[in-house]
N, C-alpha and C. Protein backbone atom coordinates (compact mmCIF):
# COMPACT_ATOMS: atom_id res chain seq x y z
N UNK A 1 -21.42 238.49 27.97
CA UNK A 1 -20.97 237.06 28.22
C UNK A 1 -22.74 236.90 29.33
N UNK A 2 -23.18 238.37 29.66
CA UNK A 2 -24.75 237.76 30.29
C UNK A 2 -25.31 237.35 29.52
N UNK A 3 -25.41 237.68 28.27
CA UNK A 3 -26.29 237.04 27.26
C UNK A 3 -26.12 235.96 26.57
N UNK A 4 -24.92 235.17 26.41
CA UNK A 4 -24.86 234.05 26.08
C UNK A 4 -24.64 233.37 28.29
N UNK A 5 -25.15 234.00 29.21
CA UNK A 5 -25.30 232.84 30.12
C UNK A 5 -27.04 232.98 30.33
N UNK A 6 -27.50 233.65 29.84
CA UNK A 6 -28.86 233.50 29.63
C UNK A 6 -29.81 232.57 28.85
N UNK A 7 -28.62 232.54 27.50
CA UNK A 7 -29.33 231.95 26.64
C UNK A 7 -29.30 229.93 27.39
N UNK A 8 -27.91 230.10 27.18
CA UNK A 8 -27.09 228.56 28.10
C UNK A 8 -26.26 228.94 29.24
N UNK A 9 -26.71 228.47 30.34
CA UNK A 9 -25.62 228.37 31.20
C UNK A 9 -23.65 227.42 30.90
N UNK A 10 -24.31 226.38 30.34
CA UNK A 10 -22.86 226.26 29.67
C UNK A 10 -21.73 226.58 29.27
N UNK A 11 -22.64 228.23 28.66
CA UNK A 11 -21.42 228.07 28.23
C UNK A 11 -20.49 228.81 28.97
N UNK A 12 -21.20 229.41 30.37
CA UNK A 12 -20.13 229.86 31.40
C UNK A 12 -19.66 228.86 31.94
N UNK A 13 -20.45 227.95 32.15
CA UNK A 13 -19.11 226.59 32.87
C UNK A 13 -18.02 226.48 32.05
N UNK A 14 -18.36 226.38 30.73
CA UNK A 14 -17.17 226.04 30.01
C UNK A 14 -16.47 227.06 29.83
N UNK A 15 -17.00 228.36 29.88
CA UNK A 15 -15.83 229.17 30.16
C UNK A 15 -14.89 228.78 31.97
N UNK A 16 -15.46 228.79 32.50
CA UNK A 16 -14.99 228.89 33.95
C UNK A 16 -13.63 227.93 33.61
N UNK A 17 -14.77 226.71 33.45
CA UNK A 17 -13.58 225.73 33.30
C UNK A 17 -12.68 225.94 32.71
N UNK A 18 -12.47 226.34 31.40
CA UNK A 18 -11.44 226.92 30.59
C UNK A 18 -10.48 227.53 31.09
N UNK A 19 -11.04 228.46 31.67
CA UNK A 19 -9.99 229.17 32.13
C UNK A 19 -9.26 229.02 33.52
N UNK A 20 -9.99 227.61 34.26
CA UNK A 20 -9.47 226.80 35.61
C UNK A 20 -7.94 226.28 35.02
N UNK A 21 -8.37 225.30 34.35
CA UNK A 21 -7.48 224.61 33.58
C UNK A 21 -6.32 225.27 32.55
N UNK A 22 -6.77 226.24 31.83
CA UNK A 22 -5.58 227.57 31.80
C UNK A 22 -4.57 227.84 32.15
N UNK A 23 -5.31 228.02 33.34
CA UNK A 23 -4.20 228.97 34.23
C UNK A 23 -3.66 227.86 35.34
N UNK A 24 -4.09 226.47 35.36
CA UNK A 24 -3.00 225.44 36.03
C UNK A 24 -2.35 224.70 34.78
N UNK A 25 -1.90 225.20 33.47
CA UNK A 25 -1.71 224.60 32.82
C UNK A 25 -0.63 225.50 32.33
N UNK A 26 -0.87 227.13 32.19
CA UNK A 26 0.36 228.03 32.49
C UNK A 26 1.05 228.09 33.81
N UNK A 27 0.47 227.61 34.90
CA UNK A 27 1.07 227.87 36.11
C UNK A 27 2.29 226.45 36.21
N UNK A 28 1.20 225.80 35.43
CA UNK A 28 2.81 224.55 35.60
C UNK A 28 3.89 224.88 34.72
N UNK A 29 4.14 225.20 33.34
CA UNK A 29 4.76 225.67 32.83
C UNK A 29 5.71 226.53 33.04
N UNK A 30 5.40 227.67 34.01
CA UNK A 30 5.92 228.64 34.32
C UNK A 30 6.47 228.24 35.64
N UNK A 31 6.17 227.41 36.67
CA UNK A 31 6.79 226.68 37.32
C UNK A 31 8.23 226.11 36.75
N UNK A 32 7.77 225.05 35.76
CA UNK A 32 8.92 223.95 35.25
C UNK A 32 9.79 225.05 34.53
N UNK A 33 9.61 225.98 34.30
CA UNK A 33 10.69 226.53 33.57
C UNK A 33 11.42 227.43 34.89
N UNK A 34 10.68 227.99 35.49
CA UNK A 34 11.53 228.48 37.02
C UNK A 34 12.44 227.02 37.44
N UNK A 35 12.21 226.48 37.95
CA UNK A 35 12.37 225.47 38.42
C UNK A 35 13.55 224.76 37.59
N UNK A 36 13.80 224.75 35.94
CA UNK A 36 14.90 224.31 35.31
C UNK A 36 16.29 225.65 35.86
N UNK A 37 15.30 226.30 35.58
CA UNK A 37 17.07 227.75 35.63
C UNK A 37 17.51 227.41 36.85
N UNK A 38 16.34 227.23 38.10
CA UNK A 38 17.11 227.20 39.27
C UNK A 38 17.65 225.70 39.30
N UNK A 39 18.00 224.86 38.52
CA UNK A 39 18.46 223.12 38.98
C UNK A 39 19.69 223.58 38.34
N UNK A 40 19.60 224.03 37.41
CA UNK A 40 20.83 224.97 36.61
C UNK A 40 21.96 225.41 36.83
N UNK A 41 21.49 226.37 37.58
CA UNK A 41 22.14 227.23 38.16
C UNK A 41 23.31 226.86 39.18
N UNK A 42 22.04 226.20 40.38
CA UNK A 42 22.28 225.49 41.66
C UNK A 42 23.87 224.70 41.17
N UNK A 43 23.11 223.89 39.62
CA UNK A 43 24.64 222.77 39.45
C UNK A 43 25.29 223.59 39.00
N UNK A 44 26.12 224.72 38.42
CA UNK A 44 26.76 225.94 37.87
C UNK A 44 28.16 226.25 39.39
N UNK A 45 27.03 226.67 40.11
CA UNK A 45 27.33 227.00 41.50
C UNK A 45 28.27 225.74 42.42
N UNK A 46 27.79 224.68 43.07
CA UNK A 46 28.42 223.77 42.82
C UNK A 46 29.55 223.19 42.49
N UNK A 47 29.58 223.11 40.89
CA UNK A 47 30.91 222.56 40.37
C UNK A 47 31.81 223.67 40.70
N UNK A 48 31.47 225.34 40.33
CA UNK A 48 31.99 226.17 40.81
C UNK A 48 32.96 226.48 42.11
N UNK A 49 32.59 225.55 43.19
CA UNK A 49 32.74 225.80 44.71
C UNK A 49 33.64 224.67 44.51
N UNK A 50 33.39 223.15 44.16
CA UNK A 50 34.26 222.24 43.99
C UNK A 50 35.75 222.28 43.78
N UNK A 51 35.56 223.61 42.30
CA UNK A 51 36.59 224.26 41.52
C UNK A 51 37.32 224.79 42.40
N UNK A 52 36.84 225.59 43.47
CA UNK A 52 37.46 226.51 44.32
C UNK A 52 37.79 225.84 45.43
N UNK A 53 37.00 224.75 46.18
CA UNK A 53 37.73 224.19 47.27
C UNK A 53 38.64 223.28 46.81
N UNK A 54 38.38 222.49 45.67
CA UNK A 54 39.51 222.09 44.89
C UNK A 54 41.34 223.03 45.21
N UNK A 55 41.07 223.57 44.55
CA UNK A 55 41.94 225.01 44.72
C UNK A 55 43.02 225.12 46.73
N UNK A 56 41.43 225.52 46.79
CA UNK A 56 42.19 226.01 48.26
C UNK A 56 42.80 224.75 48.46
N UNK A 57 42.04 223.62 48.64
CA UNK A 57 42.98 222.62 49.28
C UNK A 57 44.31 222.21 49.14
N UNK A 58 44.38 222.46 47.44
CA UNK A 58 45.32 221.95 46.96
C UNK A 58 46.75 222.76 47.72
N UNK A 59 45.90 223.99 47.20
CA UNK A 59 47.48 225.70 47.87
C UNK A 59 47.96 225.15 49.17
N UNK A 60 46.97 224.87 50.56
CA UNK A 60 47.15 224.03 51.45
C UNK A 60 47.75 223.14 51.90
N UNK A 61 47.66 221.65 50.80
CA UNK A 61 47.84 220.67 50.91
C UNK A 61 49.83 220.94 50.26
N UNK A 62 50.32 222.24 49.41
CA UNK A 62 51.15 222.54 48.50
C UNK A 62 52.40 223.47 49.73
N UNK A 63 52.01 223.45 50.92
CA UNK A 63 53.15 224.17 51.95
C UNK A 63 53.24 223.03 52.49
N UNK A 64 52.33 221.52 53.10
CA UNK A 64 52.54 220.63 53.73
C UNK A 64 53.70 219.78 53.07
N UNK A 65 53.27 219.38 52.03
CA UNK A 65 54.33 218.74 51.20
C UNK A 65 55.56 219.85 50.13
N UNK A 66 55.77 220.13 51.20
CA UNK A 66 57.49 220.76 50.59
C UNK A 66 58.53 220.20 49.62
N UNK A 67 58.48 218.79 49.80
CA UNK A 67 59.26 217.98 49.31
C UNK A 67 58.60 217.69 47.17
N UNK A 68 57.43 217.60 47.50
CA UNK A 68 56.75 217.42 46.68
C UNK A 68 56.99 215.75 46.13
N UNK A 69 56.66 215.35 47.53
CA UNK A 69 56.60 213.61 47.22
C UNK A 69 55.49 213.23 46.88
N UNK A 70 54.04 214.07 46.62
CA UNK A 70 52.84 213.55 46.55
C UNK A 70 52.03 212.83 47.49
N UNK A 71 52.34 212.26 48.66
CA UNK A 71 51.69 212.17 50.21
C UNK A 71 52.48 212.85 51.21
N UNK A 72 51.43 212.44 51.89
CA UNK A 72 51.23 213.04 53.04
C UNK A 72 51.86 211.92 54.59
N UNK A 73 52.70 212.20 55.20
CA UNK A 73 52.99 211.03 56.58
C UNK A 73 51.90 211.45 57.73
N UNK A 74 51.73 210.73 58.26
CA UNK A 74 50.45 211.01 59.53
C UNK A 74 50.43 212.11 59.68
N UNK A 75 51.60 212.33 60.62
CA UNK A 75 51.76 213.61 61.04
C UNK A 75 51.58 214.43 60.31
N UNK A 76 52.13 214.71 59.33
CA UNK A 76 51.92 215.97 58.31
C UNK A 76 50.17 216.23 58.17
N UNK A 77 49.77 214.78 57.93
CA UNK A 77 48.40 214.76 57.85
C UNK A 77 47.63 215.38 58.40
N UNK A 78 48.08 214.97 60.04
CA UNK A 78 47.54 215.76 61.43
C UNK A 78 46.98 217.19 61.47
N UNK A 79 48.20 217.40 60.48
CA UNK A 79 48.71 219.41 60.65
C UNK A 79 47.13 220.08 59.55
N UNK A 80 47.19 219.36 58.33
CA UNK A 80 46.36 219.43 57.34
C UNK A 80 45.00 219.31 57.76
N UNK A 81 45.06 218.25 58.72
CA UNK A 81 43.35 218.16 58.88
C UNK A 81 43.03 219.21 59.45
N UNK A 82 43.31 218.98 60.58
CA UNK A 82 43.44 220.22 61.60
C UNK A 82 43.24 221.60 61.35
N UNK A 83 43.83 221.88 60.34
CA UNK A 83 43.86 223.61 59.73
C UNK A 83 42.52 223.45 58.54
N UNK A 84 42.47 222.33 57.36
CA UNK A 84 41.36 222.54 56.86
C UNK A 84 40.12 221.64 57.14
N UNK A 85 39.94 221.27 58.45
CA UNK A 85 39.03 220.81 58.51
C UNK A 85 38.76 221.64 60.32
N UNK A 86 39.32 222.33 60.54
CA UNK A 86 39.67 222.77 62.17
C UNK A 86 39.72 222.42 63.00
N UNK A 87 40.40 221.29 63.29
CA UNK A 87 40.04 220.51 64.00
C UNK A 87 40.98 220.48 65.38
N UNK A 88 40.54 220.91 66.75
CA UNK A 88 41.51 220.53 67.83
C UNK A 88 41.18 219.66 68.76
N UNK A 89 42.75 218.57 68.45
CA UNK A 89 43.27 217.63 69.29
C UNK A 89 42.76 217.06 71.04
N UNK A 90 42.43 218.35 71.07
CA UNK A 90 42.25 218.52 72.58
C UNK A 90 40.86 217.59 72.65
N UNK A 91 39.67 217.38 71.69
CA UNK A 91 38.66 216.74 71.76
C UNK A 91 38.51 215.43 71.18
N UNK A 92 37.96 214.85 72.51
CA UNK A 92 37.68 212.94 71.21
C UNK A 92 37.19 213.42 70.38
N UNK A 93 35.44 214.05 70.08
CA UNK A 93 35.41 213.96 68.98
C UNK A 93 36.54 214.47 67.48
N UNK A 94 37.07 214.77 68.12
CA UNK A 94 37.46 215.96 66.76
C UNK A 94 39.33 214.37 66.44
N UNK A 95 38.94 214.28 67.34
CA UNK A 95 40.15 212.67 67.03
C UNK A 95 39.79 211.78 66.28
N UNK A 96 38.61 211.72 66.78
CA UNK A 96 37.62 209.78 66.21
C UNK A 96 37.68 211.15 64.70
N UNK A 97 37.49 212.61 64.50
CA UNK A 97 36.96 213.01 62.94
C UNK A 97 37.99 212.01 62.51
N UNK A 98 39.53 212.54 62.84
CA UNK A 98 40.89 212.39 62.28
C UNK A 98 41.34 210.64 62.14
N UNK A 99 40.31 210.09 63.24
CA UNK A 99 40.78 208.93 62.81
C UNK A 99 39.91 208.17 61.99
N UNK A 100 38.88 208.59 61.39
CA UNK A 100 38.26 207.76 60.89
C UNK A 100 38.67 208.35 59.52
N UNK A 101 39.12 209.63 59.21
CA UNK A 101 39.55 210.05 57.95
C UNK A 101 40.53 209.62 57.36
N UNK A 102 41.72 209.01 58.24
CA UNK A 102 42.93 208.36 58.15
C UNK A 102 42.44 207.24 57.28
N UNK A 103 41.50 206.36 58.48
CA UNK A 103 41.07 204.68 58.15
C UNK A 103 40.46 204.93 56.42
N UNK A 104 39.76 206.21 56.12
CA UNK A 104 39.10 206.38 54.63
C UNK A 104 40.35 206.82 53.48
N UNK A 105 40.94 207.27 53.58
CA UNK A 105 42.09 207.74 53.50
C UNK A 105 43.22 206.92 52.99
N UNK A 106 43.76 206.69 54.10
CA UNK A 106 44.57 205.09 53.80
C UNK A 106 44.74 203.85 53.77
N UNK A 107 43.88 203.70 52.99
CA UNK A 107 43.16 202.42 52.57
C UNK A 107 43.98 201.24 52.84
N UNK A 108 45.47 201.52 52.46
CA UNK A 108 46.66 200.44 51.81
C UNK A 108 47.47 200.36 53.50
N UNK A 109 46.49 201.28 54.66
CA UNK A 109 47.54 200.82 55.52
C UNK A 109 49.15 201.33 55.74
N UNK A 110 49.44 202.01 54.64
CA UNK A 110 51.15 202.51 54.20
C UNK A 110 51.77 204.09 55.02
N UNK A 111 50.34 204.07 55.79
CA UNK A 111 50.96 205.64 56.80
C UNK A 111 51.24 207.08 55.98
N UNK A 112 50.55 206.63 54.57
CA UNK A 112 51.13 207.75 53.35
C UNK A 112 49.77 208.28 53.31
N UNK A 113 48.94 209.08 52.99
CA UNK A 113 47.91 209.29 52.88
C UNK A 113 48.32 210.96 51.15
N UNK A 114 48.03 209.82 50.21
CA UNK A 114 48.29 210.57 48.89
C UNK A 114 47.61 211.85 48.58
N UNK A 115 48.35 211.99 47.83
CA UNK A 115 47.22 213.84 47.35
C UNK A 115 46.22 213.37 46.52
N UNK A 116 46.43 212.55 45.23
CA UNK A 116 44.89 212.37 44.94
C UNK A 116 44.31 211.83 45.60
N UNK A 117 44.23 211.13 46.20
CA UNK A 117 42.76 210.90 47.85
C UNK A 117 42.59 211.59 48.34
N UNK A 118 43.31 212.56 48.78
CA UNK A 118 42.89 213.74 49.23
C UNK A 118 42.25 214.99 49.05
N UNK A 119 42.34 215.26 47.70
CA UNK A 119 42.07 215.95 46.82
C UNK A 119 40.82 215.53 46.13
N UNK A 120 40.01 213.75 45.46
CA UNK A 120 39.19 213.08 45.92
C UNK A 120 38.15 213.79 47.28
N UNK A 121 38.40 213.64 48.01
CA UNK A 121 38.02 212.83 49.18
C UNK A 121 37.43 214.39 49.27
N UNK A 122 38.14 216.11 49.35
CA UNK A 122 38.03 217.13 49.08
C UNK A 122 36.40 217.78 47.82
N UNK A 123 36.78 217.07 46.69
CA UNK A 123 36.16 217.44 46.20
C UNK A 123 34.59 216.29 45.99
N UNK A 124 34.28 215.56 46.79
CA UNK A 124 33.49 214.52 47.05
C UNK A 124 32.56 215.00 48.03
N UNK A 125 33.27 215.58 48.87
CA UNK A 125 31.94 215.95 50.27
C UNK A 125 32.49 215.57 51.65
N UNK A 126 33.90 214.43 51.63
CA UNK A 126 33.89 213.27 52.29
C UNK A 126 34.01 214.22 53.84
N UNK A 127 34.41 214.65 53.48
CA UNK A 127 34.82 215.33 55.27
C UNK A 127 32.76 215.87 55.87
N UNK A 128 32.20 216.06 54.61
CA UNK A 128 31.04 216.54 55.52
C UNK A 128 30.18 215.29 55.60
N UNK A 129 30.20 214.61 55.42
CA UNK A 129 29.93 212.92 55.65
C UNK A 129 30.49 211.96 56.50
N UNK A 130 31.88 212.37 57.19
CA UNK A 130 32.43 211.61 58.10
C UNK A 130 31.29 212.46 58.98
N UNK A 131 31.92 214.42 59.30
CA UNK A 131 31.15 214.84 60.37
C UNK A 131 29.92 215.18 60.52
N UNK A 132 29.34 214.51 60.03
CA UNK A 132 28.04 213.82 60.33
C UNK A 132 27.80 212.72 60.65
N UNK A 133 28.73 211.58 60.58
CA UNK A 133 28.79 210.32 60.82
C UNK A 133 29.14 210.57 62.43
N UNK A 134 30.45 211.49 62.87
CA UNK A 134 30.57 211.39 64.08
C UNK A 134 29.02 212.43 65.02
N UNK A 135 28.56 213.89 64.57
CA UNK A 135 27.48 213.75 64.97
C UNK A 135 26.95 212.68 65.33
N UNK A 136 26.29 211.91 64.63
CA UNK A 136 25.37 210.32 64.96
C UNK A 136 25.84 209.96 65.82
N UNK A 137 27.31 209.52 65.89
CA UNK A 137 27.70 208.60 66.32
C UNK A 137 27.63 209.54 67.86
N UNK A 138 28.19 210.58 67.91
CA UNK A 138 27.69 211.42 69.48
C UNK A 138 27.18 211.24 70.12
N UNK A 139 25.93 211.73 69.17
CA UNK A 139 24.44 211.43 69.83
C UNK A 139 24.04 210.45 70.35
N UNK A 140 23.92 208.91 69.31
CA UNK A 140 24.37 207.73 70.32
C UNK A 140 25.55 207.59 71.40
N UNK A 141 26.16 207.98 71.45
CA UNK A 141 26.79 207.92 72.65
C UNK A 141 26.60 208.41 73.44
N UNK A 142 25.92 209.50 73.51
CA UNK A 142 25.28 210.90 74.49
C UNK A 142 24.14 209.40 74.92
N UNK A 143 23.55 208.33 74.33
CA UNK A 143 21.83 208.14 74.93
C UNK A 143 22.52 206.45 75.83
N UNK A 144 23.60 206.29 75.37
CA UNK A 144 23.41 204.76 75.31
C UNK A 144 24.99 204.58 76.62
N UNK A 145 25.57 205.61 76.16
CA UNK A 145 26.82 205.89 77.22
C UNK A 145 28.32 206.24 76.80
N UNK A 146 29.15 206.45 76.90
CA UNK A 146 30.31 206.42 76.34
C UNK A 146 31.26 205.42 76.74
N UNK A 147 30.76 203.60 75.65
CA UNK A 147 32.14 202.65 76.16
C UNK A 147 33.31 203.22 75.99
N UNK A 148 34.56 204.00 75.47
CA UNK A 148 35.87 204.66 75.11
C UNK A 148 35.49 204.83 76.69
N UNK A 149 34.94 205.71 77.42
CA UNK A 149 35.60 205.66 78.83
C UNK A 149 35.10 204.76 79.58
N UNK A 150 34.75 203.84 79.84
CA UNK A 150 34.75 202.57 80.24
C UNK A 150 36.11 202.07 79.83
N UNK A 151 36.29 201.80 78.61
CA UNK A 151 36.84 200.93 78.39
C UNK A 151 38.69 201.88 79.34
N UNK A 152 38.85 202.83 78.89
CA UNK A 152 39.97 203.22 79.12
C UNK A 152 39.87 203.97 80.91
N UNK A 153 38.47 203.46 81.07
CA UNK A 153 39.06 203.81 82.95
C UNK A 153 39.24 202.43 83.32
N UNK A 154 38.82 201.58 82.80
CA UNK A 154 39.35 200.59 83.48
C UNK A 154 41.04 199.76 82.76
N UNK A 155 41.30 200.23 82.01
CA UNK A 155 42.56 199.98 80.96
C UNK A 155 42.68 198.59 80.19
N UNK A 156 41.35 198.71 79.64
CA UNK A 156 41.23 197.19 78.51
C UNK A 156 41.45 198.27 77.40
N UNK A 157 41.97 197.91 76.51
CA UNK A 157 42.98 198.62 75.07
C UNK A 157 43.18 197.33 74.10
N UNK A 158 42.17 196.35 74.54
CA UNK A 158 42.05 195.48 73.70
C UNK A 158 40.44 196.16 72.54
N UNK A 159 40.02 196.28 73.23
CA UNK A 159 38.35 196.79 71.64
C UNK A 159 39.27 197.93 71.13
N UNK A 160 40.61 198.37 71.25
CA UNK A 160 40.56 199.07 70.37
C UNK A 160 40.88 199.33 68.92
N UNK A 161 40.34 199.41 67.70
CA UNK A 161 40.73 199.03 66.64
C UNK A 161 41.56 200.13 66.18
N UNK A 162 41.68 201.57 67.16
CA UNK A 162 43.28 202.37 66.10
C UNK A 162 44.15 201.87 65.97
N UNK A 163 45.27 201.87 64.95
CA UNK A 163 46.69 201.70 64.87
C UNK A 163 47.13 202.55 66.12
N UNK A 164 48.50 202.14 66.42
CA UNK A 164 49.17 202.97 67.52
C UNK A 164 49.99 203.76 67.16
N UNK A 165 50.70 203.54 65.41
CA UNK A 165 50.64 205.00 65.34
C UNK A 165 49.69 206.37 65.57
N UNK A 166 48.78 205.90 64.99
CA UNK A 166 47.04 207.02 65.14
C UNK A 166 46.90 207.67 66.75
N UNK A 167 47.35 206.34 67.89
CA UNK A 167 47.28 206.89 68.65
C UNK A 167 48.38 207.88 69.47
N UNK A 168 49.20 207.50 68.97
CA UNK A 168 49.90 207.91 69.35
C UNK A 168 50.88 209.83 68.82
N UNK A 169 50.06 209.62 67.50
CA UNK A 169 50.02 210.65 67.06
C UNK A 169 48.71 212.23 67.59
N UNK A 170 48.57 211.72 68.85
CA UNK A 170 47.19 212.78 69.44
C UNK A 170 47.99 213.66 70.42
N UNK A 171 49.17 212.22 71.25
CA UNK A 171 50.32 213.20 72.50
C UNK A 171 50.75 214.44 72.03
N UNK A 172 50.85 214.29 70.64
CA UNK A 172 51.52 215.46 70.25
C UNK A 172 51.12 216.74 69.95
């Protein structure tokens, strides 16, 4: 190397640039292979988790739908979601999560939550979205002050958008 350096310094510069570019290229290829394997493994784990979650939710669902009707009533759904989402209906935030879940799942307002909708809801992770929305709403309420508490203390229920059945279901 020293002999080539003494003859022409361009050889040395070429060698250094060649090594730097080679290392950069090989490290990018190595990183791409590692990332691709990691991504594939994450996708497989996600599919496996959704399948496991679906089996677990279906097992719990079958305990509540003992007659095999294919749907849950509001009271059954209340108990089902209390168990699956670990809800305690003494807390207003948990009541809000349940109301939002009902609004999301009982679109036709038949007061019956169909099994297919529940399974899709848990497969897509809808429960996580609602919990995140509830967390954001709670932070907003803390900043502005809870309007519900003001309305309830004044006895004004005209602004309530929940149905009478869902409000009555919390008293149990």
